[in-house]
Amino acid sequence: HAAVVRDAAGLARAAGTIAGAARTLAADRSTDGRSRWEAHNVATAAAAIVLSAARRRESRGAHFRDDYPDRDETLAGRHSVLDRGGWRLAAIADIVPAGDAAG
């Protein structure tokens, strides 16, 4: 539901599936610590991708929202960021300090 073509309903289903998997992982004591943490990290990354996709209400680049088919030019060059202040949109230059970006 978070592939190239997306919509709010599918992203909500994906978020629910990920939340359910995270609950199952948290309750699973049969898996060793490292494997459980790796699965937890995958679930955390998946949740961030789905939430970011849900908050981005436009189509841009290779990702298309069936429910928001147009580009929003006010969001050009902006990326979804989660930090201590919560979710926000920012330019890469605002996220990575000068000199820290590779290339």
Protein backbone atom coordinates (compact mmCIF):
# COMPACT_ATOMS: atom_id res chain seq x y z
CA HIS A 1 0.00 0.00 0.00
CA ALA A 2 3.02 2.31 0.13
CA ALA A 3 4.35 1.49 -3.31
CA VAL A 4 4.68 3.92 -6.21
CA VAL A 5 0.90 4.50 -6.52
CA ARG A 6 -0.64 5.34 -3.15
CA ASP A 7 -3.81 6.66 -1.57
CA ALA A 8 -4.93 7.56 1.95
CA ALA A 9 -6.98 4.38 2.45
CA GLY A 10 -4.11 2.11 1.42
CA LEU A 11 -1.61 4.03 3.55
CA ALA A 12 -3.97 3.72 6.54
CA ARG A 13 -4.18 -0.05 5.94
CA ALA A 14 -0.37 -0.23 5.72
CA ALA A 15 -0.04 1.72 8.99
CA GLY A 16 -2.44 -0.71 10.68
CA THR A 17 -0.54 -3.73 9.38
CA ILE A 18 2.76 -2.29 10.57
CA ALA A 19 1.31 -1.44 14.00
CA GLY A 20 0.00 -4.99 14.32
CA ALA A 21 3.37 -6.43 13.35
CA ALA A 22 5.10 -4.18 15.88
CA ARG A 23 2.75 -5.40 18.63
CA THR A 24 3.42 -9.01 17.66
CA LEU A 25 7.17 -8.40 17.67
CA ALA A 26 7.01 -6.75 21.08
CA ALA A 27 5.16 -9.75 22.53
CA ASP A 28 7.34 -12.40 20.85
CA ARG A 29 9.83 -13.78 23.34
CA SER A 30 10.82 -16.76 21.17
CA THR A 31 13.00 -14.63 18.88
CA ASP A 32 16.50 -13.77 20.05
CA GLY A 33 17.29 -10.18 21.03
CA ARG A 34 19.22 -9.18 17.92
CA SER A 35 16.64 -10.54 15.47
CA ARG A 36 13.84 -8.90 17.43
CA TRP A 37 15.64 -5.53 17.40
CA GLU A 38 16.32 -5.83 13.67
CA ALA A 39 12.63 -6.56 13.03
CA HIS A 40 11.68 -3.67 15.34
CA ASN A 41 13.96 -1.34 13.36
CA VAL A 42 12.41 -2.48 10.08
CA ALA A 43 8.92 -1.86 11.48
CA THR A 44 9.99 1.59 12.72
CA ALA A 45 11.40 2.52 9.30
CA ALA A 46 8.28 1.20 7.55
CA ALA A 47 6.05 3.23 9.87
CA ALA A 48 8.07 6.39 9.15
CA ILE A 49 7.81 5.82 5.39
CA VAL A 50 4.04 5.27 5.56
CA LEU A 51 3.40 8.24 7.84
CA SER A 52 5.57 10.49 5.69
CA ALA A 53 3.76 9.31 2.53
CA ALA A 54 0.38 9.93 4.18
CA ARG A 55 1.36 13.46 5.19
CA ARG A 56 2.65 14.27 1.69
CA ARG A 57 -0.61 15.13 -0.08
CA GLU A 58 0.66 15.52 -3.61
CA SER A 59 2.21 13.54 -6.45
CA ARG A 60 5.90 14.16 -7.01
CA GLY A 61 8.71 12.32 -8.74
CA ALA A 62 8.16 8.60 -8.93
CA HIS A 63 5.44 8.55 -6.25
CA PHE A 64 1.84 9.12 -7.24
CA ARG A 65 -1.10 9.73 -4.92
CA ASP A 66 -4.36 8.60 -6.54
CA ASP A 67 -6.21 10.92 -4.17
CA TYR A 68 -3.83 13.90 -4.76
CA PRO A 69 -2.78 13.60 -8.42
CA ASP A 70 -1.32 17.11 -8.78
CA ARG A 71 2.04 18.51 -7.75
CA ASP A 72 2.10 21.21 -5.07
CA GLU A 73 4.88 23.56 -6.13
CA THR A 74 5.06 25.06 -2.63
CA LEU A 75 6.53 21.70 -1.57
CA ALA A 76 9.22 21.56 -4.28
CA GLY A 77 12.60 20.72 -2.75
CA ARG A 78 11.04 19.94 0.64
CA HIS A 79 11.48 16.63 2.43
CA SER A 80 9.58 15.04 5.30
CA VAL A 81 11.60 15.27 8.52
CA LEU A 82 10.91 13.80 11.95
CA ASP A 83 12.94 15.29 14.74
CA ARG A 84 12.40 16.31 18.35
CA GLY A 85 10.04 19.03 17.17
CA GLY A 86 7.81 16.52 15.37
CA TRP A 87 7.06 16.16 11.66
CA ARG A 88 7.92 19.03 9.34
CA LEU A 89 8.92 19.70 5.75
CA ALA A 90 12.42 21.03 5.16
CA ALA A 91 15.03 21.45 2.44
CA ILE A 92 18.04 19.12 2.57
CA ALA A 93 20.28 22.13 3.28
CA ASP A 94 18.21 22.80 6.41
CA ILE A 95 18.56 19.19 7.56
CA VAL A 96 22.25 18.40 6.93
CA PRO A 97 24.79 20.94 8.23
CA ALA A 98 27.09 22.41 5.57
CA GLY A 99 30.10 20.16 4.95
CA ASP A 100 28.35 17.02 6.27
CA ALA A 101 26.61 16.06 3.03
CA ALA A 102 28.38 13.45 0.94
CA GLY A 103 29.33 14.37 -2.59
